[in-house]
Amino acid sequence: MKRNILLTVLVIFGMALLSGCAMIQTWPDDERNAENKMIVIQEKIGDGLKTGALTPDQSQMFLTTLKGIRTDYSALRNKMVYRSEWESIHVRLDVLGDEINRALSSTTRIQEPRNADRIVALQHRIDDIRISRRLSLSEERDLQYRLDTIRQDYMRMTEGGRYISIDEGADIARRLDVLETDLNRITRVEEPWSGDRIDALQRRIDDARINRRLTVTEERDFQYRLDSIRRDYIRMTEGGRYIAREEGADIALRLDLLETDLNRLR
């Protein structure tokens, strides 16, 4: 009896899960991700043609394929459709991206960060902020609107396979710089500062030293560990650089371990 009930529940759950994907609705995240893929592909083709990594025939072939995908994308944009229609767009973009990567694999890629790559990276950061709820709804909407506007302007500039001009590229880069600066400033305010924790732990070590609650060996060990963390943190943030999530997590973990060991002295 219990087995039948469990089987029924699993079937209902599976049907509900499938029905979510089968619903006719708008899919803004899929639309935005498709835009990101198209601008990256567009810029790869332009860079490949400019540097000679792609022949004119290769570039034209890729641009023709991209134009067909872009036409189908425009037909789906802001429309109530099944999720599978967007999935088809993404599959075609992934296949095209892989073909371009293979064509470019024998050449050296341009080293400077491309505007398209920066747009994708900033979208990932905004998505991460949205998930972790580190910003107010109005701040999140403002950042997303500004990035969407930059992305749409970039797509317009490169529409039809046109290679973006130096002035247009500089304008996009400047707007991305401003957006990234604001994003860094806002998220730094919202994050718990590792710098504050370092200062607090230094005061605790100093206090333990004055009150002779540490042996000379313990004092040297704690101070050495904190000094090492402090040096790494200063290096990571040198020149106003925004500390990466992985770097921040490493600093926080080392501070947690040091604080745990200090707590044992109570």
C-alpha atoms as a PDB file:
ATOM      1  CA  MET A   1       0.000   0.000   0.000  1.00  0.00           C
ATOM      2  CA  LYS A   2       2.750   2.424   1.000  1.00  0.00           C
ATOM      3  CA  ARG A   3       4.642   1.524  -2.136  1.00  0.00           C
ATOM      4  CA  ASN A   4       1.650   2.394  -4.313  1.00  0.00           C
ATOM      5  CA  ILE A   5       1.193   5.715  -2.528  1.00  0.00           C
ATOM      6  CA  LEU A   6       4.882   6.560  -3.004  1.00  0.00           C
ATOM      7  CA  LEU A   7       4.689   5.651  -6.684  1.00  0.00           C
ATOM      8  CA  THR A   8       1.607   7.853  -7.119  1.00  0.00           C
ATOM      9  CA  VAL A   9       3.352  10.794  -5.441  1.00  0.00           C
ATOM     10  CA  LEU A  10       6.420  10.396  -7.663  1.00  0.00           C
ATOM     11  CA  VAL A  11       4.277  10.277 -10.806  1.00  0.00           C
ATOM     12  CA  ILE A  12       2.377  13.416  -9.778  1.00  0.00           C
ATOM     13  CA  PHE A  13       5.616  15.222  -8.934  1.00  0.00           C
ATOM     14  CA  GLY A  14       7.136  14.237 -12.277  1.00  0.00           C
ATOM     15  CA  MET A  15       4.079  15.435 -14.167  1.00  0.00           C
ATOM     16  CA  ALA A  16       4.156  18.749 -12.300  1.00  0.00           C
ATOM     17  CA  LEU A  17       7.840  19.177 -13.122  1.00  0.00           C
ATOM     18  CA  LEU A  18       7.259  18.470 -16.795  1.00  0.00           C
ATOM     19  CA  SER A  19       4.233  20.731 -16.921  1.00  0.00           C
ATOM     20  CA  GLY A  20       6.374  23.630 -15.670  1.00  0.00           C
ATOM     21  CA  CYS A  21       8.562  23.310 -18.756  1.00  0.00           C
ATOM     22  CA  ALA A  22       5.527  22.712 -20.982  1.00  0.00           C
ATOM     23  CA  MET A  23       3.723  25.910 -19.963  1.00  0.00           C
ATOM     24  CA  ILE A  24       3.260  28.661 -22.518  1.00  0.00           C
ATOM     25  CA  GLN A  25       4.786  31.810 -21.025  1.00  0.00           C
ATOM     26  CA  THR A  26       7.587  34.318 -21.482  1.00  0.00           C
ATOM     27  CA  TRP A  27      11.108  33.191 -20.590  1.00  0.00           C
ATOM     28  CA  PRO A  28      13.184  36.323 -19.788  1.00  0.00           C
ATOM     29  CA  ASP A  29      16.218  34.420 -18.447  1.00  0.00           C
ATOM     30  CA  ASP A  30      16.433  32.281 -21.604  1.00  0.00           C
ATOM     31  CA  GLU A  31      16.043  35.422 -23.716  1.00  0.00           C
ATOM     32  CA  ARG A  32      18.829  37.186 -21.842  1.00  0.00           C
ATOM     33  CA  ASN A  33      21.147  34.166 -22.031  1.00  0.00           C
ATOM     34  CA  ALA A  34      20.549  33.896 -25.774  1.00  0.00           C
ATOM     35  CA  GLU A  35      21.470  37.575 -26.147  1.00  0.00           C
ATOM     36  CA  ASN A  36      24.683  36.963 -24.230  1.00  0.00           C
ATOM     37  CA  LYS A  37      25.625  34.048 -26.468  1.00  0.00           C
ATOM     38  CA  MET A  38      24.882  36.012 -29.643  1.00  0.00           C
ATOM     39  CA  ILE A  39      27.025  38.999 -28.705  1.00  0.00           C
ATOM     40  CA  VAL A  40      29.929  36.714 -27.747  1.00  0.00           C
ATOM     41  CA  ILE A  41      29.628  34.842 -31.050  1.00  0.00           C
ATOM     42  CA  GLN A  42      29.341  38.105 -32.998  1.00  0.00           C
ATOM     43  CA  GLU A  43      32.495  39.483 -31.422  1.00  0.00           C
ATOM     44  CA  LYS A  44      34.437  36.266 -31.983  1.00  0.00           C
ATOM     45  CA  ILE A  45      33.585  36.382 -35.679  1.00  0.00           C
ATOM     46  CA  GLY A  46      34.572  40.047 -35.908  1.00  0.00           C
ATOM     47  CA  ASP A  47      37.844  39.502 -34.074  1.00  0.00           C
ATOM     48  CA  GLY A  48      38.614  36.418 -36.148  1.00  0.00           C
ATOM     49  CA  LEU A  49      38.100  38.297 -39.407  1.00  0.00           C
ATOM     50  CA  LYS A  50      40.076  41.318 -38.216  1.00  0.00           C
ATOM     51  CA  THR A  51      43.095  39.253 -37.088  1.00  0.00           C
ATOM     52  CA  GLY A  52      43.012  36.817 -39.996  1.00  0.00           C
ATOM     53  CA  ALA A  53      42.142  33.864 -37.796  1.00  0.00           C
ATOM     54  CA  LEU A  54      39.021  33.384 -39.939  1.00  0.00           C
ATOM     55  CA  THR A  55      38.850  33.657 -43.707  1.00  0.00           C
ATOM     56  CA  PRO A  56      36.218  35.912 -45.292  1.00  0.00           C
ATOM     57  CA  ASP A  57      34.332  32.801 -46.448  1.00  0.00           C
ATOM     58  CA  GLN A  58      34.345  31.334 -42.936  1.00  0.00           C
ATOM     59  CA  SER A  59      33.201  34.612 -41.422  1.00  0.00           C
ATOM     60  CA  GLN A  60      30.372  34.959 -43.940  1.00  0.00           C
ATOM     61  CA  MET A  61      29.236  31.388 -43.325  1.00  0.00           C
ATOM     62  CA  PHE A  62      29.165  31.913 -39.557  1.00  0.00           C
ATOM     63  CA  LEU A  63      27.412  35.279 -39.908  1.00  0.00           C
ATOM     64  CA  THR A  64      24.748  33.752 -42.149  1.00  0.00           C
ATOM     65  CA  THR A  65      24.075  31.043 -39.567  1.00  0.00           C
ATOM     66  CA  LEU A  66      23.963  33.602 -36.773  1.00  0.00           C
ATOM     67  CA  LYS A  67      21.583  35.804 -38.774  1.00  0.00           C
ATOM     68  CA  GLY A  68      19.164  32.880 -39.119  1.00  0.00           C
ATOM     69  CA  ILE A  69      19.280  32.218 -35.385  1.00  0.00           C
ATOM     70  CA  ARG A  70      18.851  35.911 -34.638  1.00  0.00           C
ATOM     71  CA  THR A  71      15.732  36.017 -36.837  1.00  0.00           C
ATOM     72  CA  ASP A  72      14.193  33.120 -34.911  1.00  0.00           C
ATOM     73  CA  TYR A  73      15.242  34.744 -31.646  1.00  0.00           C
ATOM     74  CA  SER A  74      13.461  37.974 -32.613  1.00  0.00           C
ATOM     75  CA  ALA A  75      10.305  35.994 -33.349  1.00  0.00           C
ATOM     76  CA  LEU A  76      10.331  34.530 -29.816  1.00  0.00           C
ATOM     77  CA  ARG A  77      11.342  37.674 -27.931  1.00  0.00           C
ATOM     78  CA  ASN A  78       8.742  38.799 -25.365  1.00  0.00           C
ATOM     79  CA  LYS A  79       6.339  36.173 -26.710  1.00  0.00           C
ATOM     80  CA  MET A  80       4.333  33.517 -24.839  1.00  0.00           C
ATOM     81  CA  VAL A  81       5.934  30.269 -26.029  1.00  0.00           C
ATOM     82  CA  TYR A  82       6.913  26.820 -24.849  1.00  0.00           C
ATOM     83  CA  ARG A  83      10.306  26.486 -23.152  1.00  0.00           C
ATOM     84  CA  SER A  84      11.385  23.970 -25.793  1.00  0.00           C
ATOM     85  CA  GLU A  85      11.438  26.729 -28.429  1.00  0.00           C
ATOM     86  CA  TRP A  86      14.057  28.648 -26.446  1.00  0.00           C
ATOM     87  CA  GLU A  87      15.987  25.447 -25.797  1.00  0.00           C
ATOM     88  CA  SER A  88      16.226  24.960 -29.556  1.00  0.00           C
ATOM     89  CA  ILE A  89      17.712  28.452 -29.932  1.00  0.00           C
ATOM     90  CA  HIS A  90      20.311  27.700 -27.264  1.00  0.00           C
ATOM     91  CA  VAL A  91      21.297  24.395 -28.854  1.00  0.00           C
ATOM     92  CA  ARG A  92      21.856  26.105 -32.213  1.00  0.00           C
ATOM     93  CA  LEU A  93      23.905  28.874 -30.582  1.00  0.00           C
ATOM     94  CA  ASP A  94      26.031  26.335 -28.695  1.00  0.00           C
ATOM     95  CA  VAL A  95      26.695  24.364 -31.879  1.00  0.00           C
ATOM     96  CA  LEU A  96      27.659  27.542 -33.757  1.00  0.00           C
ATOM     97  CA  GLY A  97      29.906  28.662 -30.882  1.00  0.00           C
ATOM     98  CA  ASP A  98      31.696  25.298 -30.892  1.00  0.00           C
ATOM     99  CA  GLU A  99      32.255  25.489 -34.653  1.00  0.00           C
ATOM    100  CA  ILE A 100      33.774  28.958 -34.343  1.00  0.00           C
ATOM    101  CA  ASN A 101      35.994  27.855 -31.457  1.00  0.00           C
ATOM    102  CA  ARG A 102      37.319  24.978 -33.539  1.00  0.00           C
ATOM    103  CA  ALA A 103      38.060  27.348 -36.415  1.00  0.00           C
ATOM    104  CA  LEU A 104      39.936  29.662 -34.047  1.00  0.00           C
ATOM    105  CA  SER A 105      41.701  26.914 -32.084  1.00  0.00           C
ATOM    106  CA  SER A 106      44.874  27.030 -34.189  1.00  0.00           C
ATOM    107  CA  THR A 107      45.389  30.766 -33.624  1.00  0.00           C
ATOM    108  CA  THR A 108      46.228  32.929 -30.624  1.00  0.00           C
ATOM    109  CA  ARG A 109      43.215  34.675 -29.173  1.00  0.00           C
ATOM    110  CA  ILE A 110      43.190  38.405 -28.483  1.00  0.00           C
ATOM    111  CA  GLN A 111      44.371  38.969 -24.909  1.00  0.00           C
ATOM    112  CA  GLU A 112      42.385  42.070 -23.974  1.00  0.00           C
ATOM    113  CA  PRO A 113      38.945  41.411 -22.458  1.00  0.00           C
ATOM    114  CA  ARG A 114      36.167  41.801 -25.009  1.00  0.00           C
ATOM    115  CA  ASN A 115      33.061  43.826 -24.336  1.00  0.00           C
ATOM    116  CA  ALA A 116      30.903  40.764 -24.943  1.00  0.00           C
ATOM    117  CA  ASP A 117      32.813  38.761 -22.322  1.00  0.00           C
ATOM    118  CA  ARG A 118      32.455  41.623 -19.854  1.00  0.00           C
ATOM    119  CA  ILE A 119      28.696  41.786 -20.426  1.00  0.00           C
ATOM    120  CA  VAL A 120      28.394  38.069 -19.683  1.00  0.00           C
ATOM    121  CA  ALA A 121      30.620  38.340 -16.581  1.00  0.00           C
ATOM    122  CA  LEU A 122      28.606  41.265 -15.202  1.00  0.00           C
ATOM    123  CA  GLN A 123      25.370  39.349 -15.812  1.00  0.00           C
ATOM    124  CA  HIS A 124      26.745  36.458 -13.765  1.00  0.00           C
ATOM    125  CA  ARG A 125      27.580  38.824 -10.917  1.00  0.00           C
ATOM    126  CA  ILE A 126      24.111  40.394 -10.963  1.00  0.00           C
ATOM    127  CA  ASP A 127      22.520  36.924 -11.019  1.00  0.00           C
ATOM    128  CA  ASP A 128      24.637  35.910  -8.018  1.00  0.00           C
ATOM    129  CA  ILE A 129      23.563  39.047  -6.147  1.00  0.00           C
ATOM    130  CA  ARG A 130      19.916  38.336  -6.979  1.00  0.00           C
ATOM    131  CA  ILE A 131      20.163  34.785  -5.604  1.00  0.00           C
ATOM    132  CA  SER A 132      21.972  35.828  -2.416  1.00  0.00           C
ATOM    133  CA  ARG A 133      19.607  38.813  -1.887  1.00  0.00           C
ATOM    134  CA  ARG A 134      22.493  41.184  -1.158  1.00  0.00           C
ATOM    135  CA  LEU A 135      20.770  44.179  -2.778  1.00  0.00           C
ATOM    136  CA  SER A 136      17.402  45.843  -2.476  1.00  0.00           C
ATOM    137  CA  LEU A 137      14.884  45.190  -5.246  1.00  0.00           C
ATOM    138  CA  SER A 138      15.273  48.735  -6.628  1.00  0.00           C
ATOM    139  CA  GLU A 139      19.099  48.453  -6.758  1.00  0.00           C
ATOM    140  CA  GLU A 140      18.889  45.073  -8.455  1.00  0.00           C
ATOM    141  CA  ARG A 141      16.415  46.371 -11.046  1.00  0.00           C
ATOM    142  CA  ASP A 142      18.564  49.428 -11.757  1.00  0.00           C
ATOM    143  CA  LEU A 143      21.700  47.353 -12.361  1.00  0.00           C
ATOM    144  CA  GLN A 144      19.835  44.871 -14.554  1.00  0.00           C
ATOM    145  CA  TYR A 145      18.172  47.644 -16.585  1.00  0.00           C
ATOM    146  CA  ARG A 146      21.512  49.346 -17.234  1.00  0.00           C
ATOM    147  CA  LEU A 147      23.165  46.101 -18.327  1.00  0.00           C
ATOM    148  CA  ASP A 148      20.190  45.188 -20.533  1.00  0.00           C
ATOM    149  CA  THR A 149      20.433  48.612 -22.200  1.00  0.00           C
ATOM    150  CA  ILE A 150      24.152  48.165 -22.883  1.00  0.00           C
ATOM    151  CA  ARG A 151      23.551  44.660 -24.232  1.00  0.00           C
ATOM    152  CA  GLN A 152      20.767  45.822 -26.563  1.00  0.00           C
ATOM    153  CA  ASP A 153      22.876  48.721 -27.874  1.00  0.00           C
ATOM    154  CA  TYR A 154      25.782  46.351 -28.481  1.00  0.00           C
ATOM    155  CA  MET A 155      23.542  43.950 -30.395  1.00  0.00           C
ATOM    156  CA  ARG A 156      22.204  46.840 -32.492  1.00  0.00           C
ATOM    157  CA  MET A 157      25.754  47.986 -33.299  1.00  0.00           C
ATOM    158  CA  THR A 158      26.751  44.494 -34.495  1.00  0.00           C
ATOM    159  CA  GLU A 159      23.479  43.566 -36.189  1.00  0.00           C
ATOM    160  CA  GLY A 160      23.793  42.021 -39.620  1.00  0.00           C
ATOM    161  CA  GLY A 161      27.427  41.109 -39.059  1.00  0.00           C
ATOM    162  CA  ARG A 162      28.638  44.710 -38.887  1.00  0.00           C
ATOM    163  CA  TYR A 163      31.960  45.071 -37.083  1.00  0.00           C
ATOM    164  CA  ILE A 164      31.731  47.544 -34.212  1.00  0.00           C
ATOM    165  CA  SER A 165      33.733  50.761 -34.721  1.00  0.00           C
ATOM    166  CA  ILE A 166      36.461  51.962 -32.356  1.00  0.00           C
ATOM    167  CA  ASP A 167      34.314  54.819 -31.044  1.00  0.00           C
ATOM    168  CA  GLU A 168      31.309  52.560 -30.492  1.00  0.00           C
ATOM    169  CA  GLY A 169      33.482  49.980 -28.724  1.00  0.00           C
ATOM    170  CA  ALA A 170      34.968  52.686 -26.509  1.00  0.00           C
ATOM    171  CA  ASP A 171      31.487  53.916 -25.565  1.00  0.00           C
ATOM    172  CA  ILE A 172      30.330  50.406 -24.636  1.00  0.00           C
ATOM    173  CA  ALA A 173      33.539  49.831 -22.642  1.00  0.00           C
ATOM    174  CA  ARG A 174      33.098  53.132 -20.770  1.00  0.00           C
ATOM    175  CA  ARG A 175      29.507  52.305 -19.814  1.00  0.00           C
ATOM    176  CA  LEU A 176      30.589  48.844 -18.653  1.00  0.00           C
ATOM    177  CA  ASP A 177      33.343  50.453 -16.552  1.00  0.00           C
ATOM    178  CA  VAL A 178      30.817  52.749 -14.845  1.00  0.00           C
ATOM    179  CA  LEU A 179      28.412  49.876 -14.209  1.00  0.00           C
ATOM    180  CA  GLU A 180      31.178  47.658 -12.824  1.00  0.00           C
ATOM    181  CA  THR A 181      32.416  50.467 -10.555  1.00  0.00           C
ATOM    182  CA  ASP A 182      28.910  50.969  -9.150  1.00  0.00           C
ATOM    183  CA  LEU A 183      28.470  47.220  -8.723  1.00  0.00           C
ATOM    184  CA  ASN A 184      31.761  46.975  -6.828  1.00  0.00           C
ATOM    185  CA  ARG A 185      30.832  49.890  -4.589  1.00  0.00           C
ATOM    186  CA  ILE A 186      27.371  48.552  -3.761  1.00  0.00           C
ATOM    187  CA  THR A 187      28.455  44.979  -3.094  1.00  0.00           C
ATOM    188  CA  ARG A 188      31.380  46.086  -0.955  1.00  0.00           C
ATOM    189  CA  VAL A 189      28.916  47.937   1.267  1.00  0.00           C
ATOM    190  CA  GLU A 190      26.659  44.889   1.547  1.00  0.00           C
ATOM    191  CA  GLU A 191      29.358  42.278   2.238  1.00  0.00           C
ATOM    192  CA  PRO A 192      30.721  41.611   5.719  1.00  0.00           C
ATOM    193  CA  TRP A 193      34.243  43.025   5.549  1.00  0.00           C
ATOM    194  CA  SER A 194      37.117  40.643   6.124  1.00  0.00           C
ATOM    195  CA  GLY A 195      39.180  43.727   6.966  1.00  0.00           C
ATOM    196  CA  ASP A 196      36.982  44.386  10.016  1.00  0.00           C
ATOM    197  CA  ARG A 197      37.353  40.795  11.175  1.00  0.00           C
ATOM    198  CA  ILE A 198      41.131  41.018  10.844  1.00  0.00           C
ATOM    199  CA  ASP A 199      41.167  44.150  13.022  1.00  0.00           C
ATOM    200  CA  ALA A 200      38.897  42.523  15.610  1.00  0.00           C
ATOM    201  CA  LEU A 201      41.078  39.402  15.818  1.00  0.00           C
ATOM    202  CA  GLN A 202      44.196  41.556  16.167  1.00  0.00           C
ATOM    203  CA  ARG A 203      42.611  43.288  19.177  1.00  0.00           C
ATOM    204  CA  ARG A 204      41.822  39.916  20.741  1.00  0.00           C
ATOM    205  CA  ILE A 205      45.404  38.710  20.289  1.00  0.00           C
ATOM    206  CA  ASP A 206      46.752  41.959  21.741  1.00  0.00           C
ATOM    207  CA  ASP A 207      44.395  41.652  24.698  1.00  0.00           C
ATOM    208  CA  ALA A 208      45.420  38.034  25.311  1.00  0.00           C
ATOM    209  CA  ARG A 209      49.081  39.079  25.150  1.00  0.00           C
ATOM    210  CA  ILE A 210      48.606  41.868  27.716  1.00  0.00           C
ATOM    211  CA  ASN A 211      46.684  39.609  30.076  1.00  0.00           C
ATOM    212  CA  ARG A 212      49.253  36.811  29.621  1.00  0.00           C
ATOM    213  CA  ARG A 213      46.625  34.300  28.563  1.00  0.00           C
ATOM    214  CA  LEU A 214      48.936  32.989  25.833  1.00  0.00           C
ATOM    215  CA  THR A 215      52.275  31.288  25.999  1.00  0.00           C
ATOM    216  CA  VAL A 216      55.041  32.800  23.898  1.00  0.00           C
ATOM    217  CA  THR A 217      54.674  29.945  21.392  1.00  0.00           C
ATOM    218  CA  GLU A 218      50.878  30.379  21.136  1.00  0.00           C
ATOM    219  CA  GLU A 219      51.186  34.137  20.761  1.00  0.00           C
ATOM    220  CA  ARG A 220      53.728  33.817  17.950  1.00  0.00           C
ATOM    221  CA  ASP A 221      51.598  31.190  16.175  1.00  0.00           C
ATOM    222  CA  PHE A 222      48.385  33.257  16.286  1.00  0.00           C
ATOM    223  CA  GLN A 223      50.171  36.443  15.254  1.00  0.00           C
ATOM    224  CA  TYR A 224      51.950  34.709  12.382  1.00  0.00           C
ATOM    225  CA  ARG A 225      48.671  33.256  11.048  1.00  0.00           C
ATOM    226  CA  LEU A 226      46.867  36.592  11.266  1.00  0.00           C
ATOM    227  CA  ASP A 227      49.763  38.467   9.649  1.00  0.00           C
ATOM    228  CA  SER A 228      49.739  35.950   6.789  1.00  0.00           C
ATOM    229  CA  ILE A 229      45.995  36.416   6.250  1.00  0.00           C
ATOM    230  CA  ARG A 230      46.363  40.200   6.399  1.00  0.00           C
ATOM    231  CA  ARG A 231      49.152  40.224   3.794  1.00  0.00           C
ATOM    232  CA  ASP A 232      47.122  38.040   1.416  1.00  0.00           C
ATOM    233  CA  TYR A 233      44.032  40.222   1.877  1.00  0.00           C
ATOM    234  CA  ILE A 234      46.017  43.410   1.156  1.00  0.00           C
ATOM    235  CA  ARG A 235      47.495  41.802  -1.955  1.00  0.00           C
ATOM    236  CA  MET A 236      44.031  40.732  -3.189  1.00  0.00           C
ATOM    237  CA  THR A 237      42.576  44.234  -2.762  1.00  0.00           C
ATOM    238  CA  GLU A 238      45.648  46.193  -3.898  1.00  0.00           C
ATOM    239  CA  GLY A 239      44.885  49.142  -6.147  1.00  0.00           C
ATOM    240  CA  GLY A 240      41.178  49.040  -5.325  1.00  0.00           C
ATOM    241  CA  ARG A 241      40.713  45.647  -6.989  1.00  0.00           C
ATOM    242  CA  TYR A 242      37.440  43.904  -6.184  1.00  0.00           C
ATOM    243  CA  ILE A 243      38.149  40.669  -4.320  1.00  0.00           C
ATOM    244  CA  ALA A 244      36.866  37.584  -6.139  1.00  0.00           C
ATOM    245  CA  ARG A 245      34.289  35.341  -4.497  1.00  0.00           C
ATOM    246  CA  GLU A 246      36.751  32.425  -4.240  1.00  0.00           C
ATOM    247  CA  GLU A 247      39.427  34.655  -2.703  1.00  0.00           C
ATOM    248  CA  GLY A 248      36.945  36.105  -0.208  1.00  0.00           C
ATOM    249  CA  ALA A 249      35.779  32.609   0.761  1.00  0.00           C
ATOM    250  CA  ASP A 250      39.386  31.508   1.359  1.00  0.00           C
ATOM    251  CA  ILE A 251      40.105  34.527   3.586  1.00  0.00           C
ATOM    252  CA  ALA A 252      36.845  33.983   5.516  1.00  0.00           C
ATOM    253  CA  LEU A 253      37.646  30.296   6.069  1.00  0.00           C
ATOM    254  CA  ARG A 254      41.120  31.057   7.427  1.00  0.00           C
ATOM    255  CA  LEU A 255      39.673  33.725   9.712  1.00  0.00           C
ATOM    256  CA  ASP A 256      37.034  31.254  10.937  1.00  0.00           C
ATOM    257  CA  LEU A 257      39.721  28.682  11.829  1.00  0.00           C
ATOM    258  CA  LEU A 258      41.846  31.260  13.609  1.00  0.00           C
ATOM    259  CA  GLU A 259      38.856  32.585  15.548  1.00  0.00           C
ATOM    260  CA  THR A 260      37.838  29.044  16.536  1.00  0.00           C
ATOM    261  CA  ASP A 261      41.317  28.396  17.940  1.00  0.00           C
ATOM    262  CA  LEU A 262      41.243  31.680  19.840  1.00  0.00           C
ATOM    263  CA  ASN A 263      37.857  30.805  21.316  1.00  0.00           C
ATOM    264  CA  ARG A 264      39.341  27.688  22.883  1.00  0.00           C
ATOM    265  CA  LEU A 265      41.401  29.912  25.164  1.00  0.00           C
ATOM    266  CA  ARG A 266      38.312  31.205  26.998  1.00  0.00           C
END
